[in-house]
Protein backbone atom coordinates (compact mmCIF):
# COMPACT_ATOMS: atom_id res chain seq x y z
CA UNK A 1 -95.47 17.09 40.41
CA UNK A 2 -91.94 18.26 39.74
CA UNK A 3 -91.94 21.54 37.84
CA UNK A 4 -88.49 21.01 36.39
CA UNK A 5 -89.87 18.07 34.42
CA UNK A 6 -92.90 19.86 33.01
CA UNK A 7 -91.20 22.92 31.52
CA UNK A 8 -88.78 21.08 29.20
CA UNK A 9 -91.53 18.63 28.36
CA UNK A 10 -93.78 21.40 27.08
CA UNK A 11 -90.90 22.83 25.07
CA UNK A 12 -90.43 19.41 23.50
CA UNK A 13 -94.01 19.51 22.23
CA UNK A 14 -93.29 22.88 20.64
CA UNK A 15 -90.13 21.54 19.02
CA UNK A 16 -92.09 18.66 17.54
CA UNK A 17 -94.62 21.12 16.22
CA UNK A 18 -91.84 22.97 14.43
CA UNK A 19 -90.20 19.76 13.27
CA UNK A 20 -93.44 18.66 11.69
CA UNK A 21 -93.97 22.04 10.11
CA UNK A 22 -93.66 20.82 6.54
CA UNK A 23 -95.41 22.75 3.84
CA UNK A 24 -97.75 20.33 2.14
CA UNK A 25 -99.50 21.24 -1.10
CA UNK A 26 -102.41 18.98 -1.96
CA UNK A 27 -103.64 19.01 -5.53
CA UNK A 28 -107.25 17.87 -5.85
CA UNK A 29 -108.29 16.07 -8.97
CA UNK A 30 -111.59 15.18 -7.35
CA UNK A 31 -113.55 18.41 -6.95
CA UNK A 32 -117.06 19.72 -7.27
CA UNK A 33 -118.51 21.48 -10.33
CA UNK A 34 -117.57 24.94 -9.05
CA UNK A 35 -113.91 23.99 -8.81
CA UNK A 36 -113.85 23.72 -5.00
CA UNK A 37 -112.87 20.55 -3.11
CA UNK A 38 -115.79 18.39 -2.09
CA UNK A 39 -117.05 19.11 1.41
CA UNK A 40 -116.72 15.50 2.53
CA UNK A 41 -113.02 15.15 1.60
CA UNK A 42 -111.89 15.30 5.23
CA UNK A 43 -114.41 12.63 6.24
CA UNK A 44 -113.23 10.40 3.41
CA UNK A 45 -109.60 10.99 4.40
CA UNK A 46 -110.16 9.95 8.01
CA UNK A 47 -112.22 6.93 6.93
CA UNK A 48 -109.46 5.82 4.54
CA UNK A 49 -106.82 5.95 7.28
CA UNK A 50 -108.91 4.52 10.12
CA UNK A 51 -110.51 1.59 8.32
CA UNK A 52 -107.45 -0.64 8.79
CA UNK A 53 -106.47 0.68 12.22
CA UNK A 54 -106.42 -1.70 15.18
CA UNK A 55 -108.49 0.84 17.13
CA UNK A 56 -110.85 2.68 14.72
CA UNK A 57 -112.53 4.58 17.57
CA UNK A 58 -109.24 5.99 18.85
CA UNK A 59 -108.26 6.75 15.28
CA UNK A 60 -111.41 8.79 14.64
CA UNK A 61 -111.20 10.55 18.01
CA UNK A 62 -107.64 11.63 17.20
CA UNK A 63 -108.04 12.54 13.53
CA UNK A 64 -111.60 13.89 13.26
CA UNK A 65 -110.63 17.24 14.85
CA UNK A 66 -107.74 17.74 12.40
CA UNK A 67 -110.10 19.05 9.68
CA UNK A 68 -107.52 18.81 6.91
CA UNK A 69 -106.68 16.63 3.95
CA UNK A 70 -102.94 17.19 4.16
CA UNK A 71 -101.37 13.85 5.25
CA UNK A 72 -98.74 15.72 7.26
CA UNK A 73 -101.43 17.18 9.48
CA UNK A 74 -102.59 13.67 10.37
CA UNK A 75 -99.06 12.52 11.18
CA UNK A 76 -98.52 15.66 13.23
CA UNK A 77 -101.75 15.08 15.18
CA UNK A 78 -100.94 11.50 16.20
CA UNK A 79 -97.29 12.24 17.00
CA UNK A 80 -98.27 15.17 19.22
CA UNK A 81 -100.92 13.03 20.93
CA UNK A 82 -98.33 10.34 21.55
CA UNK A 83 -95.87 12.95 22.81
CA UNK A 84 -98.39 14.34 25.29
CA UNK A 85 -99.04 10.85 26.63
CA UNK A 86 -95.34 10.02 26.93
CA UNK A 87 -94.75 13.22 28.89
CA UNK A 88 -97.73 12.43 31.11
CA UNK A 89 -96.26 8.98 31.78
CA UNK A 90 -92.81 10.42 32.43
CA UNK A 91 -94.19 12.86 34.99
CA UNK A 92 -96.10 10.03 36.64
CA UNK A 93 -92.90 7.97 37.06
CA UNK A 94 -91.31 11.05 38.61
CA UNK A 95 -94.21 11.35 41.05
CA UNK A 96 -94.16 7.63 41.85
CA UNK A 97 -90.44 7.85 42.56
CA UNK A 98 -91.00 10.74 44.99
CA UNK A 99 -94.07 9.20 46.65
CA UNK A 100 -92.43 5.88 47.39
CA UNK A 101 -88.98 7.24 48.17
CA UNK A 102 -87.10 5.19 50.73
CA UNK A 103 -90.08 2.88 51.28
CA UNK A 104 -89.61 1.27 47.86
CA UNK A 105 -87.81 -2.02 47.47
CA UNK A 106 -84.65 -2.16 45.38
CA UNK A 107 -86.62 -3.85 42.60
CA UNK A 108 -89.21 -1.05 42.43
CA UNK A 109 -86.53 1.63 42.48
CA UNK A 110 -84.67 0.02 39.58
CA UNK A 111 -87.86 -0.53 37.55
CA UNK A 112 -89.03 3.08 37.97
CA UNK A 113 -85.57 4.41 37.20
CA UNK A 114 -85.47 2.33 34.01
CA UNK A 115 -88.92 3.62 33.04
CA UNK A 116 -87.80 7.23 33.37
CA UNK A 117 -84.75 6.63 31.18
CA UNK A 118 -86.80 4.77 28.57
CA UNK A 119 -89.51 7.42 28.40
CA UNK A 120 -86.89 10.12 27.91
CA UNK A 121 -85.64 8.11 24.95
CA UNK A 122 -89.22 7.80 23.67
CA UNK A 123 -89.52 11.60 23.67
CA UNK A 124 -86.36 11.83 21.57
CA UNK A 125 -87.68 9.29 19.06
CA UNK A 126 -90.93 11.22 18.62
CA UNK A 127 -88.89 14.34 17.93
CA UNK A 128 -86.81 12.46 15.39
CA UNK A 129 -89.94 11.12 13.70
CA UNK A 130 -91.04 14.64 12.91
CA UNK A 131 -87.59 15.63 11.67
CA UNK A 132 -87.42 12.68 9.31
CA UNK A 133 -90.61 13.80 7.63
CA UNK A 134 -89.06 17.09 6.59
CA UNK A 135 -85.45 16.01 6.03
CA UNK A 136 -86.19 13.30 3.48
CA UNK A 137 -85.75 14.37 -0.11
CA UNK A 138 -88.56 12.19 -1.44
CA UNK A 139 -91.77 13.91 -2.51
CA UNK A 140 -94.18 11.45 -0.97
CA UNK A 141 -94.78 10.58 2.66
CA UNK A 142 -94.72 6.91 1.65
CA UNK A 143 -91.05 7.28 0.71
CA UNK A 144 -90.30 7.96 4.37
CA UNK A 145 -92.25 5.04 5.73
CA UNK A 146 -89.24 2.91 6.71
CA UNK A 147 -87.52 5.68 8.67
CA UNK A 148 -90.68 6.82 10.40
CA UNK A 149 -91.56 3.28 11.39
CA UNK A 150 -88.06 2.79 12.76
CA UNK A 151 -88.39 5.63 15.26
CA UNK A 152 -92.04 5.07 16.13
CA UNK A 153 -91.37 1.38 16.70
CA UNK A 154 -88.65 2.37 19.15
CA UNK A 155 -91.19 4.34 21.20
CA UNK A 156 -93.27 1.18 21.65
CA UNK A 157 -90.10 -0.76 22.46
CA UNK A 158 -89.37 1.59 25.33
CA UNK A 159 -92.96 1.53 26.59
CA UNK A 160 -92.98 -2.26 26.57
CA UNK A 161 -89.55 -2.44 28.23
CA UNK A 162 -90.77 -0.15 30.98
CA UNK A 163 -93.66 -2.50 31.78
CA UNK A 164 -91.45 -5.58 31.44
CA UNK A 165 -89.30 -4.29 34.28
CA UNK A 166 -91.98 -4.90 36.92
CA UNK A 167 -92.49 -8.36 38.38
CA UNK A 168 -96.17 -9.31 38.13
CA UNK A 169 -95.82 -11.96 40.85
CA UNK A 170 -94.70 -9.26 43.30
CA UNK A 171 -97.73 -7.38 44.68
CA UNK A 172 -95.85 -4.13 45.23
CA UNK A 173 -94.31 -4.04 41.76
CA UNK A 174 -97.52 -5.17 40.09
CA UNK A 175 -99.46 -2.34 41.76
CA UNK A 176 -97.04 0.29 40.45
CA UNK A 177 -97.06 -1.29 37.01
CA UNK A 178 -100.85 -1.04 36.92
CA UNK A 179 -100.71 2.55 38.16
CA UNK A 180 -98.35 3.49 35.33
CA UNK A 181 -100.45 1.65 32.77
CA UNK A 182 -103.65 3.41 33.84
CA UNK A 183 -101.80 6.72 34.10
CA UNK A 184 -100.72 6.77 30.47
CA UNK A 185 -98.39 3.94 29.50
CA UNK A 186 -101.15 1.89 27.85
CA UNK A 187 -102.09 4.97 25.81
CA UNK A 188 -98.48 5.43 24.72
CA UNK A 189 -98.64 2.08 22.94
CA UNK A 190 -102.10 2.75 21.50
CA UNK A 191 -101.28 6.22 20.18
CA UNK A 192 -97.87 5.27 18.83
CA UNK A 193 -99.48 2.22 17.23
CA UNK A 194 -101.99 4.60 15.67
CA UNK A 195 -99.13 6.74 14.38
CA UNK A 196 -97.72 3.64 12.71
CA UNK A 197 -101.15 2.91 11.22
CA UNK A 198 -101.36 6.44 9.84
CA UNK A 199 -97.91 6.26 8.25
CA UNK A 200 -98.72 2.87 6.73
CA UNK A 201 -102.10 4.10 5.53
CA UNK A 202 -100.99 7.26 3.74
CA UNK A 203 -100.69 5.59 0.32
CA UNK A 204 -104.20 4.21 0.68
CA UNK A 205 -105.36 7.63 1.82
CA UNK A 206 -104.01 9.27 -1.34
CA UNK A 207 -105.47 6.56 -3.54
CA UNK A 208 -108.96 6.80 -2.06
CA UNK A 209 -109.02 10.60 -2.37
CA UNK A 210 -107.30 10.63 -5.78
CA UNK A 211 -104.78 13.25 -4.60
CA UNK A 212 -101.28 14.30 -5.55
CA UNK A 213 -98.91 15.53 -2.83
CA UNK A 214 -96.05 17.96 -3.25
CA UNK A 215 -93.80 18.39 -0.24
CA UNK A 216 -91.54 21.34 0.46
CA UNK A 217 -89.26 21.18 3.49
CA UNK A 218 -89.59 23.90 6.08
CA UNK A 219 -86.74 26.39 6.22
CA UNK A 220 -85.46 25.14 9.55
CA UNK A 221 -83.79 21.78 10.20
CA UNK A 222 -83.80 20.40 13.73
CA UNK A 223 -82.13 17.49 15.48
CA UNK A 224 -81.56 15.34 12.39
CA UNK A 225 -80.37 11.83 13.22
CA UNK A 226 -80.19 10.72 9.59
CA UNK A 227 -76.69 10.45 8.16
CA UNK A 228 -76.07 12.75 5.18
CA UNK A 229 -74.21 10.96 2.40
CA UNK A 230 -71.61 12.44 0.09
CA UNK A 231 -71.16 11.63 -3.62
CA UNK A 232 -69.36 8.38 -2.75
CA UNK A 233 -72.21 7.19 -0.56
CA UNK A 234 -70.38 7.70 2.76
CA UNK A 235 -71.74 9.73 5.67
CA UNK A 236 -70.20 13.20 5.63
CA UNK A 237 -68.61 12.67 9.05
CA UNK A 238 -66.33 9.89 7.75
CA UNK A 239 -62.78 11.22 7.42
CA UNK A 240 -60.28 10.33 4.71
CA UNK A 241 -58.18 8.03 6.94
CA UNK A 242 -61.37 6.36 8.17
CA UNK A 243 -62.30 5.56 4.58
CA UNK A 244 -59.06 3.65 4.16
CA UNK A 245 -60.19 1.44 7.02
CA UNK A 246 -63.69 1.18 5.54
CA UNK A 247 -62.44 0.19 2.11
CA UNK A 248 -60.03 -2.37 3.60
CA UNK A 249 -62.11 -3.81 6.44
CA UNK A 250 -60.16 -7.04 6.93
CA UNK A 251 -56.59 -5.80 6.88
CA UNK A 252 -56.26 -5.31 10.63
CA UNK A 253 -56.19 -2.21 12.76
CA UNK A 254 -56.62 1.34 11.47
CA UNK A 255 -53.37 2.97 10.40
CA UNK A 256 -54.42 6.19 12.13
CA UNK A 257 -53.78 6.65 15.82
CA UNK A 258 -57.05 5.84 17.64
CA UNK A 259 -58.61 8.48 19.84
CA UNK A 260 -58.18 6.23 22.87
CA UNK A 261 -56.20 3.08 23.66
CA UNK A 262 -57.20 0.76 26.49
CA UNK A 263 -54.71 -1.68 28.00
CA UNK A 264 -54.68 -3.38 31.36
CA UNK A 265 -50.88 -3.43 31.45
CA UNK A 266 -50.66 0.36 31.37
CA UNK A 267 -49.39 0.58 27.78
CA UNK A 268 -52.46 2.57 26.72
CA UNK A 269 -54.04 5.82 27.83
CA UNK A 270 -56.64 4.03 29.95
CA UNK A 271 -56.89 0.78 31.89
CA UNK A 272 -60.65 0.40 31.60
CA UNK A 273 -63.02 0.66 28.64
CA UNK A 274 -65.40 2.94 30.52
CA UNK A 275 -62.61 5.44 31.16
CA UNK A 276 -61.94 5.58 27.42
CA UNK A 277 -65.62 6.14 26.70
CA UNK A 278 -65.79 8.85 29.34
CA UNK A 279 -63.03 10.68 27.44
CA UNK A 280 -65.41 11.22 24.52
CA UNK A 281 -65.40 15.03 24.11
CA UNK A 282 -68.69 16.95 24.34
CA UNK A 283 -70.20 17.67 20.91
CA UNK A 284 -67.51 15.59 19.20
CA UNK A 285 -67.85 15.46 15.41
CA UNK A 286 -66.77 12.46 13.38
CA UNK A 287 -65.84 8.97 14.44
CA UNK A 288 -64.35 8.31 17.87
CA UNK A 289 -62.09 5.27 17.67
CA UNK A 290 -61.20 3.15 20.70
CA UNK A 291 -58.65 0.33 20.52
CA UNK A 292 -59.03 -2.20 23.33
CA UNK A 293 -55.91 -4.35 23.64
CA UNK A 294 -56.03 -8.03 24.54
CA UNK A 295 -57.23 -8.69 28.06
CA UNK A 296 -60.23 -9.68 30.17
CA UNK A 297 -62.04 -6.52 31.20
CA UNK A 298 -64.27 -7.22 34.18
CA UNK A 299 -66.44 -4.09 34.08
CA UNK A 300 -69.88 -2.78 33.16
CA UNK A 301 -69.68 -0.50 30.15
CA UNK A 302 -72.29 2.11 29.21
CA UNK A 303 -72.25 4.25 26.04
CA UNK A 304 -74.81 7.06 26.17
CA UNK A 305 -76.97 8.57 23.43
CA UNK A 306 -74.67 11.60 23.50
CA UNK A 307 -71.72 9.46 22.35
CA UNK A 308 -72.56 8.52 18.75
CA UNK A 309 -70.30 7.13 16.01
CA UNK A 310 -67.91 5.15 18.19
CA UNK A 311 -65.75 2.50 16.54
CA UNK A 312 -64.38 0.04 19.10
CA UNK A 313 -62.06 -2.77 18.10
CA UNK A 314 -60.04 -5.38 19.89
CA UNK A 315 -57.47 -8.07 19.17
CA UNK A 316 -60.05 -10.80 18.56
CA UNK A 317 -63.05 -12.25 20.39
CA UNK A 318 -60.84 -14.75 22.24
CA UNK A 319 -58.36 -12.09 23.31
CA UNK A 320 -60.30 -8.89 24.02
CA UNK A 321 -63.16 -9.83 26.33
CA UNK A 322 -65.59 -7.66 28.30
CA UNK A 323 -67.14 -9.72 31.07
CA UNK A 324 -69.64 -9.43 33.91
CA UNK A 325 -71.99 -11.62 35.94
CA UNK A 326 -75.03 -9.57 36.95
CA UNK A 327 -78.27 -11.53 36.77
CA UNK A 328 -81.91 -11.64 37.78
CA UNK A 329 -81.21 -14.09 40.59
CA UNK A 330 -78.54 -11.77 42.03
CA UNK A 331 -81.10 -8.96 42.30
CA UNK A 332 -80.82 -7.02 39.04
CA UNK A 333 -83.51 -6.03 36.54
CA UNK A 334 -82.92 -7.39 33.03
CA UNK A 335 -81.80 -4.05 31.57
CA UNK A 336 -79.27 -3.54 34.33
CA UNK A 337 -77.75 -7.01 34.01
CA UNK A 338 -76.05 -6.02 30.74
CA UNK A 339 -72.27 -6.23 30.78
CA UNK A 340 -72.03 -3.85 27.83
CA UNK A 341 -74.71 -1.31 26.87
CA UNK A 342 -74.59 0.98 23.85
CA UNK A 343 -77.26 3.64 23.26
CA UNK A 344 -75.33 5.82 20.80
CA UNK A 345 -76.22 5.76 17.11
CA UNK A 346 -73.67 4.48 14.62
CA UNK A 347 -71.80 2.22 17.05
CA UNK A 348 -69.39 -0.25 15.41
CA UNK A 349 -67.62 -3.10 17.21
CA UNK A 350 -65.00 -5.37 15.70
CA UNK A 351 -62.98 -8.30 16.98
CA UNK A 352 -64.02 -8.47 20.62
CA UNK A 353 -66.28 -10.46 22.95
CA UNK A 354 -69.09 -9.53 25.33
CA UNK A 355 -69.87 -12.00 28.12
CA UNK A 356 -72.19 -12.60 31.01
CA UNK A 357 -70.92 -15.48 33.12
CA UNK A 358 -73.89 -15.74 35.53
CA UNK A 359 -74.69 -19.17 34.08
CA UNK A 360 -78.02 -20.83 33.42
CA UNK A 361 -78.91 -20.58 37.10
CA UNK A 362 -78.72 -16.77 36.86
CA UNK A 363 -81.78 -16.71 34.58
CA UNK A 364 -81.98 -13.30 32.82
CA UNK A 365 -78.39 -12.16 32.39
CA UNK A 366 -77.56 -9.92 29.40
CA UNK A 367 -74.11 -9.83 27.85
CA UNK A 368 -74.79 -7.07 25.30
CA UNK A 369 -77.64 -4.54 25.05
CA UNK A 370 -77.89 -2.46 21.87
CA UNK A 371 -80.27 0.49 21.51
CA UNK A 372 -78.50 2.81 19.06
CA UNK A 373 -79.66 3.04 15.47
CA UNK A 374 -77.39 1.75 12.67
CA UNK A 375 -75.27 -0.36 15.04
CA UNK A 376 -73.00 -3.01 13.53
CA UNK A 377 -70.88 -5.85 14.88
CA UNK A 378 -68.22 -7.83 13.00
CA UNK A 379 -66.12 -10.76 14.22
CA UNK A 380 -67.57 -10.43 17.71
CA UNK A 381 -68.79 -12.95 20.29
CA UNK A 382 -71.81 -12.59 22.58
CA UNK A 383 -71.61 -15.30 25.23
CA UNK A 384 -74.17 -16.00 27.90
CA UNK A 385 -77.14 -18.17 28.79
CA UNK A 386 -80.61 -16.61 29.14
CA UNK A 387 -81.07 -13.26 27.34
CA UNK A 388 -77.50 -13.07 26.01
CA UNK A 389 -78.08 -10.52 23.23
CA UNK A 390 -80.64 -7.81 23.92
CA UNK A 391 -81.29 -6.24 20.50
CA UNK A 392 -83.30 -3.59 22.26
CA UNK A 393 -84.35 -1.18 19.52
CA UNK A 394 -83.77 0.19 16.02
CA UNK A 395 -81.60 -1.09 13.14
CA UNK A 396 -78.83 -3.56 14.01
CA UNK A 397 -76.51 -5.74 11.94
CA UNK A 398 -74.27 -8.64 12.98
CA UNK A 399 -71.79 -10.42 10.70
CA UNK A 400 -69.32 -13.26 11.33
CA UNK A 401 -70.30 -13.33 14.98
CA UNK A 402 -70.72 -16.09 17.54
CA UNK A 403 -73.84 -15.85 19.72
CA UNK A 404 -74.38 -18.43 22.44
CA UNK A 405 -77.04 -19.05 25.05
CA UNK A 406 -80.01 -21.05 26.25
CA UNK A 407 -83.40 -19.37 26.87
CA UNK A 408 -84.52 -16.53 24.54
CA UNK A 409 -80.88 -15.71 24.07
CA UNK A 410 -81.45 -13.43 21.07
CA UNK A 411 -84.31 -11.12 22.04
CA UNK A 412 -85.56 -7.56 21.85
CA UNK A 413 -87.60 -5.06 19.85
CA UNK A 414 -85.12 -4.03 17.18
CA UNK A 415 -84.94 -4.48 13.42
CA UNK A 416 -82.15 -7.04 13.57
CA UNK A 417 -80.27 -8.92 10.85
CA UNK A 418 -77.67 -11.53 11.73
CA UNK A 419 -75.62 -12.84 8.79
CA UNK A 420 -72.96 -15.53 8.43
CA UNK A 421 -72.80 -16.19 12.15
CA UNK A 422 -72.65 -19.19 14.45
CA UNK A 423 -75.57 -19.56 16.82
CA UNK A 424 -74.48 -21.90 19.62
CA UNK A 425 -77.17 -23.42 21.82
CA UNK A 426 -75.83 -24.27 25.26
CA UNK A 427 -76.98 -26.73 27.89
CA UNK A 428 -79.74 -25.18 30.07
CA UNK A 429 -80.85 -26.07 33.58
CA UNK A 430 -82.57 -29.43 33.99
CA UNK A 431 -86.06 -27.90 33.99
CA UNK A 432 -85.47 -25.56 31.05
CA UNK A 433 -85.93 -25.66 27.29
CA UNK A 434 -83.78 -23.76 24.82
CA UNK A 435 -85.25 -21.02 22.60
CA UNK A 436 -83.04 -19.13 20.18
CA UNK A 437 -85.25 -16.08 19.45
CA UNK A 438 -87.89 -14.13 21.39
CA UNK A 439 -88.92 -11.05 19.44
CA UNK A 440 -90.95 -8.23 21.02
CA UNK A 441 -92.93 -6.80 18.08
CA UNK A 442 -96.10 -5.59 19.81
CA UNK A 443 -97.96 -3.79 17.01
CA UNK A 444 -98.64 -5.10 13.51
CA UNK A 445 -97.15 -2.05 11.77
CA UNK A 446 -93.87 -2.12 13.71
CA UNK A 447 -90.99 -2.70 11.29
CA UNK A 448 -89.21 -4.92 13.78
CA UNK A 449 -88.15 -8.52 14.16
CA UNK A 450 -85.12 -10.82 14.19
CA UNK A 451 -83.75 -12.29 10.95
CA UNK A 452 -81.04 -14.95 10.72
CA UNK A 453 -79.48 -15.39 7.27
CA UNK A 454 -76.67 -17.76 6.26
CA UNK A 455 -76.14 -18.75 9.88
CA UNK A 456 -75.30 -22.05 11.53
CA UNK A 457 -77.64 -23.02 14.37
CA UNK A 458 -75.84 -25.76 16.23
CA UNK A 459 -75.23 -27.34 19.61
CA UNK A 460 -72.50 -25.92 21.77
CA UNK A 461 -69.98 -28.43 23.14
CA UNK A 462 -71.79 -28.34 26.50
CA UNK A 463 -75.03 -29.56 24.85
CA UNK A 464 -73.62 -31.90 22.23
CA UNK A 465 -74.08 -35.14 24.18
CA UNK A 466 -77.64 -34.22 25.24
CA UNK A 467 -78.76 -32.31 22.14
CA UNK A 468 -81.41 -34.88 21.17
CA UNK A 469 -82.96 -35.11 24.63
CA UNK A 470 -82.91 -31.45 25.69
CA UNK A 471 -85.65 -29.70 23.73
CA UNK A 472 -84.51 -26.73 21.68
CA UNK A 473 -86.67 -24.44 19.53
CA UNK A 474 -86.09 -21.68 16.99
CA UNK A 475 -88.43 -19.12 18.54
CA UNK A 476 -91.47 -18.37 20.66
CA UNK A 477 -93.94 -15.44 20.51
CA UNK A 478 -92.95 -13.05 23.29
CA UNK A 479 -95.33 -10.29 22.15
CA UNK A 480 -98.49 -10.11 20.04
CA UNK A 481 -96.82 -9.72 16.62
CA UNK A 482 -93.55 -11.47 17.36
CA UNK A 483 -91.54 -11.90 14.14
CA UNK A 484 -88.60 -14.23 13.42
CA UNK A 485 -87.32 -15.37 10.03
CA UNK A 486 -84.71 -18.06 9.48
CA UNK A 487 -83.37 -18.19 5.93
CA UNK A 488 -80.52 -19.73 3.99
CA UNK A 489 -79.18 -21.15 7.25
CA UNK A 490 -77.93 -24.54 8.37
CA UNK A 491 -80.07 -25.88 11.19
CA UNK A 492 -78.67 -28.72 13.27
CA UNK A 493 -80.51 -31.78 14.53
CA UNK A 494 -80.85 -30.28 18.00
CA UNK A 495 -83.91 -28.24 16.90
CA UNK A 496 -87.20 -29.91 17.79
CA UNK A 497 -89.35 -30.90 14.80
CA UNK A 498 -92.10 -28.51 16.02
CA UNK A 499 -89.70 -25.66 15.41
CA UNK A 500 -91.51 -23.20 17.66
CA UNK A 501 -92.75 -23.13 21.23
CA UNK A 502 -95.95 -21.40 22.44
CA UNK A 503 -95.72 -18.60 24.99
CA UNK A 504 -97.97 -19.22 28.03
CA UNK A 505 -100.47 -21.47 26.31
CA UNK A 506 -102.04 -20.11 23.15
CA UNK A 507 -101.05 -16.43 23.50
CA UNK A 508 -100.27 -14.65 20.22
CA UNK A 509 -100.39 -17.78 18.06
CA UNK A 510 -102.79 -16.12 15.60
CA UNK A 511 -100.73 -12.97 15.13
CA UNK A 512 -97.05 -13.99 15.40
CA UNK A 513 -94.98 -14.46 12.23
CA UNK A 514 -92.38 -17.25 12.19
CA UNK A 515 -91.11 -18.23 8.75
CA UNK A 516 -88.31 -20.11 7.01
CA UNK A 517 -86.69 -20.05 3.57
CA UNK A 518 -84.02 -22.18 1.87
CA UNK A 519 -82.61 -23.64 5.07
CA UNK A 520 -80.56 -26.82 5.10
CA UNK A 521 -79.49 -29.41 7.67
CA UNK A 522 -81.32 -32.07 9.67
CA UNK A 523 -83.22 -29.50 11.72
CA UNK A 524 -84.52 -27.64 8.65
CA UNK A 525 -87.32 -30.09 7.77
CA UNK A 526 -90.63 -28.25 8.05
CA UNK A 527 -93.16 -31.04 7.54
CA UNK A 528 -93.75 -31.34 11.31
CA UNK A 529 -93.63 -27.65 12.21
CA UNK A 530 -96.42 -26.28 14.43
CA UNK A 531 -99.49 -25.32 12.40
CA UNK A 532 -99.42 -21.71 13.62
CA UNK A 533 -96.03 -21.00 12.01
CA UNK A 534 -95.93 -19.69 8.45
CA UNK A 535 -93.71 -22.52 7.27
CA UNK A 536 -91.62 -22.04 4.14
CA UNK A 537 -92.21 -18.68 2.48
CA UNK A 538 -91.65 -17.67 -1.13
CA UNK A 539 -88.51 -16.07 -2.49
CA UNK A 540 -90.34 -12.76 -2.87
CA UNK A 541 -91.47 -12.87 0.75
CA UNK A 542 -87.98 -13.80 1.96
CA UNK A 543 -86.48 -10.90 0.02
CA UNK A 544 -88.39 -8.47 2.24
CA UNK A 545 -86.13 -9.51 5.12
CA UNK A 546 -82.79 -9.04 3.37
CA UNK A 547 -80.43 -6.19 4.24
CA UNK A 548 -81.68 -3.53 1.86
CA UNK A 549 -85.45 -3.56 2.50
CA UNK A 550 -85.12 -4.69 6.11
CA UNK A 551 -82.39 -2.29 7.30
CA UNK A 552 -82.12 0.17 4.40
CA UNK A 553 -78.55 -1.10 4.42
CA UNK A 554 -77.25 0.78 1.38
CA UNK A 555 -77.55 4.11 3.18
CA UNK A 556 -75.31 3.19 6.12
CA UNK A 557 -73.75 -0.29 6.16
CA UNK A 558 -71.04 0.43 3.53
CA UNK A 559 -69.64 3.10 5.83
CA UNK A 560 -69.11 0.58 8.63
CA UNK A 561 -66.47 -1.30 6.67
CA UNK A 562 -68.33 -4.55 7.30
CA UNK A 563 -69.07 -6.88 4.41
CA UNK A 564 -72.74 -7.73 3.98
CA UNK A 565 -75.08 -9.49 1.57
CA UNK A 566 -77.68 -7.03 0.35
CA UNK A 567 -80.06 -9.74 -0.85
CA UNK A 568 -80.56 -13.49 -0.92
CA UNK A 569 -77.50 -15.61 -1.67
CA UNK A 570 -79.13 -18.86 -2.79
CA UNK A 571 -81.19 -19.32 -5.95
């Protein structure tokens, strides 16, 4: 076991302990005759939280030793348990990498490398979860439910993505996948799922025990990833000139000189996008603006977590194009096929295209992978075939975009809202069927899923002649609690009357959530939808998936300069 991994890992646990060090004052209204709290309060507290958990035994094993009735102590216990398991899994991937060394195939090396990167991100999300508890101004833990679920859901996204990277029909990869699962990865999902259950169950916990909760933040703030807003509702890092751009989002380019200009003809500071990104200064504060002039940029772009708040804009999605052709069939894992990857929070892209030209025969071939929280795209195109847009994790917004593909071409584990966009279904291979959405929600309390609002779902020119013979579906359940909502959209006649396609027989049909509201067009008829879909939902139910409740849009989308509908647009 590599010592250099263990030492920082232990320090991370200590940081989380500090981050969760919120002073909680519980006022008991339910007490015994001598004025002391009843002796069974802790037992009642644990029972209240665990009764709706997916794994009551694990819940009791984790919470029984806490011996407290302060909700923060329960959150702290499950987050620290999850952290310990993530670190255990990370160290195991390190050991596996060393043990196999040069004997590993390229596929195993890539899968293990991806796992290590993903688990490092999971550690960061667990840290952020603790920070959000103390940084929120609200007095009740329930007021922080959306933010906590966002970060905890990301941990499960990374755990699932790690396992997804191994091919189960390859004996060598399957064996390592099973080793990692038994060595801790399965427990990462279970414990993080339990953390989600605890957060969701706090209001019930308070109700059962008849308690009031006052929360005072600890004196120390650590690692906050939540944007602080000024009196105008903008994040404090937005400069005055940036606000002119924000307030006039459709007037063209910023009047300020961008931090970096990319041009293939040499008229900018850089000839490649990656060079411009690499110029991002360490510990930069504010927004880093990159202007990418018209051109076809054949490169693989990667924005790291240490490069937040980048605004990148081009001359239009038919002029500024980032392109690549990595694919599964050419020997790449899905994550590494991405032409453009952004992990930094607060990323904004305007007026450019992201392509993967591997074609239908390339199978998995990602054009754009997005993992940063509060990412937004306006007037952009994502063009590919299978797995075009990988909405990997956290809150994402797309407006006035064009997204094209064939199989599962909008997929991932994020909380994703796509508004006023064209969804173009292309012609697949002869033995394939088209599926627009494959969502990866794996736990019932994950606040994740893919929502399409005011979009057009239509046949691309390549499919137009065969659109009634090639079967195309809205979604299929990739994971146990897969969630996809189609509302106020125009659905073309290419969509099969069933609407949805099963995943490997009857898997997840009882737990997935596929729903529709106020759609129009020949493909919007729901009378022949599969019985396991939720069909047409009520206006109140549909409202839950609009920008404000779904993405907490009011706290960050105005600062992107991108127009958005905060609620439903049709009566």
